[in-house]
């Protein structure tokens, strides 16, 4: 999907970032996400910072809203 500027957000996220995005939408903490994606909490925090930049979001709530707005969530979310 494209944001308002014609930028394909779905292609901007790596597979890991998309996985982390879905876990954020489920309400997982950084620690829980780290365990699920086999990464350190610091790595997860860096990935979340990058997701925030890509989605132009300043909070997890805004990440979830941007993900929904850009069609990044499966139907069951």
Protein backbone atom coordinates (compact mmCIF):
# COMPACT_ATOMS: atom_id res chain seq x y z
CA UNK A 1 0.00 0.00 0.00
CA UNK A 2 1.05 3.58 -0.57
CA UNK A 3 1.11 6.37 1.95
CA UNK A 4 -0.18 9.81 0.96
CA UNK A 5 3.10 10.64 -0.78
CA UNK A 6 3.03 7.64 -3.11
CA UNK A 7 5.57 5.70 -1.02
CA UNK A 8 5.02 1.92 -0.90
CA UNK A 9 5.18 1.33 2.85
CA UNK A 10 4.81 -2.45 2.59
CA UNK A 11 7.97 -2.67 0.48
CA UNK A 12 9.90 -0.36 2.82
CA UNK A 13 9.63 -2.79 5.75
CA UNK A 14 11.92 -5.80 5.96
CA UNK A 15 10.37 -9.17 6.72
CA UNK A 16 11.66 -8.94 10.31
CA UNK A 17 10.24 -5.42 10.70
CA UNK A 18 6.87 -6.62 9.43
CA UNK A 19 6.97 -9.50 11.93
CA UNK A 20 7.80 -7.05 14.72
CA UNK A 21 5.02 -4.76 13.53
CA UNK A 22 2.49 -7.57 13.84
CA UNK A 23 3.73 -8.39 17.34
CA UNK A 24 3.41 -4.72 18.32
CA UNK A 25 -0.17 -4.85 17.08
CA UNK A 26 -0.76 -7.86 19.34
CA UNK A 27 0.48 -5.81 22.31
CA UNK A 28 3.79 -7.61 22.81
CA UNK A 29 6.53 -5.93 24.85
CA UNK A 30 10.07 -5.45 23.53
CA UNK A 31 11.20 -8.43 25.60
CA UNK A 32 8.40 -10.64 24.29
CA UNK A 33 9.15 -9.57 20.72
CA UNK A 34 12.86 -10.30 21.22
CA UNK A 35 12.03 -13.83 22.33
CA UNK A 36 9.72 -14.41 19.38
CA UNK A 37 12.13 -13.14 16.71
CA UNK A 38 15.31 -14.51 18.35
CA UNK A 39 16.96 -11.10 18.71
CA UNK A 40 18.17 -8.95 21.58
CA UNK A 41 15.88 -6.35 23.11
CA UNK A 42 18.25 -3.66 21.83
CA UNK A 43 17.94 -5.00 18.28
CA UNK A 44 14.16 -4.98 18.62
CA UNK A 45 14.26 -1.40 19.88
CA UNK A 46 16.35 -0.36 16.86
CA UNK A 47 13.92 -2.12 14.52
CA UNK A 48 10.97 -0.39 16.20
CA UNK A 49 12.71 2.97 15.81
CA UNK A 50 13.11 2.24 12.09
CA UNK A 51 9.45 1.17 11.82
CA UNK A 52 8.46 4.46 13.48
CA UNK A 53 10.51 6.36 10.92
CA UNK A 54 9.08 4.45 7.96
CA UNK A 55 5.51 4.83 9.18
CA UNK A 56 6.04 8.39 10.48
CA UNK A 57 4.79 7.32 13.89
CA UNK A 58 5.92 8.52 17.31
CA UNK A 59 4.31 5.83 19.46
CA UNK A 60 3.20 2.21 19.33
CA UNK A 61 -0.39 3.39 19.06
CA UNK A 62 0.50 5.42 15.99
CA UNK A 63 2.40 2.42 14.57
CA UNK A 64 -0.75 0.30 14.87
CA UNK A 65 -2.91 3.03 13.32
CA UNK A 66 -0.48 3.52 10.42
CA UNK A 67 -0.27 -0.24 9.87
CA UNK A 68 -4.06 -0.46 9.65
CA UNK A 69 -4.29 2.60 7.41
CA UNK A 70 -1.65 1.19 5.04
CA UNK A 71 -3.16 -2.30 4.83
CA UNK A 72 -0.23 -3.97 6.62
CA UNK A 73 -2.35 -6.08 8.95
CA UNK A 74 -3.97 -9.42 8.14
CA UNK A 75 -7.75 -9.54 8.30
CA UNK A 76 -7.78 -11.11 11.78
CA UNK A 77 -6.01 -8.17 13.46
